[in-house]
Amino acid sequence: MLRGDAPGTAAAVTGTRNAPCEEWVEGSAVRILLVEDNRVNQEVATHWLEAAGAGVVLAEHGGEAVDIYRDNEFDLVFMDCQM
């Protein structure tokens, strides 16, 4: 699971890595930007999406999602409707 820290970068939840999102999800069938502020929902959704073979980049709020989306290509964006 990845968490976007700044435009064009991604950070692992357990530590920071400054690599383009494309490098992190390369080889995945689908690249998904998951926008979710609830930690439990983040973990559940990420588990199921990765189990299905998707590369997942996580944003914790809409502003962060917009910054990540501007600088990266995704096949799909999943976003909490109540954000």
Protein backbone atom coordinates (compact mmCIF):
# COMPACT_ATOMS: atom_id res chain seq x y z
CA MET A 1 0.00 0.00 0.00
CA LEU A 2 1.28 3.45 -0.85
CA ARG A 3 0.44 6.83 0.51
CA GLY A 4 1.02 9.93 -1.60
CA ASP A 5 3.04 12.60 0.22
CA ALA A 6 3.53 15.21 -2.46
CA PRO A 7 2.78 15.68 -6.13
CA GLY A 8 4.51 12.96 -8.12
CA THR A 9 5.76 11.04 -5.12
CA ALA A 10 4.54 8.13 -3.06
CA ALA A 11 5.40 6.99 0.44
CA ALA A 12 4.88 3.60 2.00
CA VAL A 13 2.64 3.68 5.05
CA THR A 14 5.49 2.36 7.19
CA GLY A 15 8.18 4.66 5.82
CA THR A 16 9.00 7.32 3.27
CA ARG A 17 10.10 6.64 -0.27
CA ASN A 18 10.44 9.38 -2.85
CA ALA A 19 9.80 7.51 -6.07
CA PRO A 20 7.29 8.37 -8.79
CA CYS A 21 3.99 6.54 -8.37
CA GLU A 22 4.52 4.84 -11.72
CA GLU A 23 7.55 2.98 -10.35
CA TRP A 24 5.53 1.69 -7.39
CA VAL A 25 2.62 0.32 -9.36
CA GLU A 26 4.54 -0.80 -12.45
CA GLY A 27 3.55 -4.30 -13.43
CA SER A 28 0.07 -3.99 -11.93
CA ALA A 29 -2.85 -4.70 -14.21
CA VAL A 30 -4.67 -1.58 -13.01
CA ARG A 31 -3.42 1.54 -11.23
CA ILE A 32 -5.90 2.86 -8.66
CA LEU A 33 -5.91 6.03 -6.60
CA LEU A 34 -7.79 5.26 -3.38
CA VAL A 35 -9.04 8.34 -1.51
CA GLU A 36 -10.22 7.43 1.97
CA ASP A 37 -9.85 9.11 5.36
CA ASN A 38 -10.88 6.17 7.55
CA ARG A 39 -7.90 3.96 8.47
CA VAL A 40 -9.91 0.73 8.68
CA ASN A 41 -11.54 1.37 5.30
CA GLN A 42 -8.09 2.15 3.85
CA GLU A 43 -6.73 -1.19 4.98
CA VAL A 44 -9.77 -3.24 3.89
CA ALA A 45 -10.05 -1.61 0.45
CA THR A 46 -6.32 -1.81 -0.17
CA HIS A 47 -6.25 -5.48 0.80
CA TRP A 48 -9.02 -6.40 -1.64
CA LEU A 49 -7.72 -4.26 -4.48
CA GLU A 50 -4.16 -5.56 -4.18
CA ALA A 51 -5.45 -9.14 -3.89
CA ALA A 52 -7.16 -8.56 -7.24
CA GLY A 53 -3.81 -7.49 -8.74
CA ALA A 54 -4.22 -3.72 -8.67
CA GLY A 55 -1.53 -1.23 -7.76
CA VAL A 56 -2.94 1.08 -5.09
CA VAL A 57 -1.84 4.61 -4.18
CA LEU A 58 -3.54 6.04 -1.10
CA ALA A 59 -4.60 9.63 -0.48
CA GLU A 60 -6.14 10.55 2.86
CA HIS A 61 -8.15 13.57 1.68
CA GLY A 62 -9.37 15.26 -1.49
CA GLY A 63 -6.64 17.91 -1.64
CA GLU A 64 -3.94 15.28 -1.47
CA ALA A 65 -5.77 13.23 -4.13
CA VAL A 66 -5.88 16.17 -6.53
CA ASP A 67 -2.14 16.79 -6.12
CA ILE A 68 -1.31 13.12 -6.72
CA TYR A 69 -3.74 12.82 -9.65
CA ARG A 70 -2.29 15.87 -11.42
CA ASP A 71 1.16 14.34 -11.67
CA ASN A 72 0.35 10.66 -12.21
CA GLU A 73 -1.77 8.45 -14.43
CA PHE A 74 -4.42 6.21 -12.93
CA ASP A 75 -6.91 3.83 -14.47
CA LEU A 76 -9.43 4.40 -11.71
CA VAL A 77 -10.05 6.68 -8.72
CA PHE A 78 -12.02 5.34 -5.75
CA MET A 79 -13.14 8.20 -3.50
CA ASP A 80 -15.25 8.30 -0.35
CA CYS A 81 -18.48 10.03 -1.41
CA GLN A 82 -18.82 11.92 1.88
CA MET A 83 -15.47 13.72 1.54
